[in-house]
Protein backbone atom coordinates (compact mmCIF):
# COMPACT_ATOMS: atom_id res chain seq x y z
CA MET A 1 0.00 0.00 0.00
CA ASN A 2 2.97 2.26 0.61
CA GLU A 3 3.97 1.93 -3.04
CA LEU A 4 0.43 2.75 -4.23
CA LEU A 5 0.25 5.89 -2.11
CA THR A 6 3.71 6.98 -3.24
CA TYR A 7 2.75 6.48 -6.89
CA ILE A 8 -0.47 8.48 -6.53
CA VAL A 9 1.20 11.41 -4.80
CA GLN A 10 4.18 11.46 -7.18
CA SER A 11 1.74 11.63 -10.10
CA LEU A 12 0.18 14.79 -8.68
CA VAL A 13 3.24 16.91 -7.84
CA ASP A 14 5.86 18.85 -9.81
CA LYS A 15 8.79 17.48 -7.79
CA PRO A 16 8.18 13.73 -7.44
CA ASP A 17 11.71 13.15 -6.11
CA GLU A 18 10.82 15.05 -2.93
CA VAL A 19 7.81 12.86 -2.06
CA SER A 20 8.30 10.86 1.11
CA VAL A 21 5.80 8.38 2.55
CA THR A 22 6.49 6.92 5.99
CA GLU A 23 4.44 4.20 7.61
CA ARG A 24 3.87 3.84 11.33
CA LYS A 25 1.65 1.60 13.37
CA GLY A 26 -0.99 3.08 15.64
CA ASP A 27 -3.88 1.72 17.69
CA GLY A 28 -4.85 -1.13 15.40
CA GLU A 29 -4.29 0.92 12.27
CA THR A 30 -1.47 1.94 9.97
CA ILE A 31 -0.80 5.66 9.57
CA PHE A 32 0.84 6.89 6.38
CA GLU A 33 2.59 10.26 6.68
CA VAL A 34 3.09 12.02 3.36
CA ARG A 35 5.69 14.75 2.92
CA VAL A 36 6.03 16.81 -0.26
CA ALA A 37 7.89 19.95 -1.35
CA ASP A 38 6.42 23.23 -0.06
CA GLY A 39 5.19 24.31 -3.50
CA ASP A 40 3.42 20.98 -4.07
CA MET A 41 1.38 20.96 -0.87
CA GLY A 42 -1.62 22.62 -2.53
CA LYS A 43 -1.63 20.11 -5.38
CA VAL A 44 -1.90 17.19 -2.98
CA ILE A 45 -4.56 18.83 -0.81
CA GLY A 46 -6.63 20.33 -3.65
CA ARG A 47 -9.42 22.85 -3.47
CA GLN A 48 -11.26 22.53 -0.18
CA GLY A 49 -9.30 19.32 0.50
CA ARG A 50 -10.99 17.35 -2.27
CA ILE A 51 -7.90 15.57 -3.61
CA VAL A 52 -6.56 14.46 -0.23
CA LYS A 53 -10.07 13.35 0.73
CA GLU A 54 -10.26 11.11 -2.35
CA ILE A 55 -6.77 9.73 -1.68
CA ARG A 56 -7.94 8.78 1.82
CA VAL A 57 -11.09 7.12 0.45
CA LEU A 58 -9.04 5.11 -2.05
CA MET A 59 -6.49 3.99 0.54
CA LYS A 60 -9.23 2.99 3.00
CA ALA A 61 -10.94 0.95 0.29
CA VAL A 62 -7.72 -0.91 -0.53
CA ALA A 63 -7.03 -1.50 3.16
CA GLN A 64 -10.55 -2.74 3.81
CA ARG A 65 -10.14 -5.41 1.12
CA LYS A 66 -7.07 -6.62 3.03
CA GLY A 67 -8.83 -6.46 6.39
CA LYS A 68 -6.76 -3.55 7.71
CA LYS A 69 -7.34 0.03 8.82
CA VAL A 70 -5.31 2.94 7.49
CA SER A 71 -5.24 6.70 7.64
CA VAL A 72 -3.33 9.20 5.52
CA GLU A 73 -1.85 12.38 6.97
CA ILE A 74 -0.21 15.19 5.04
CA VAL A 75 2.74 16.51 7.07
CA ASP A 76 4.40 19.91 6.67
């Protein structure tokens, strides 16, 4: 799932080399922290958070098929 999230975010930004996705375990769920270049933050979030919301929906759907829980956080 880490590779899928990295691919999606790299496809959206101008500087794909600066995309970093870290995975950490929380209370029964996996938390993905996404870091991008400062200028690309708006492209990942989108207007009124629409793009990041859809990324979260997609990742939760993939995780649910595998019987897991995930959340996606965009980190400054």
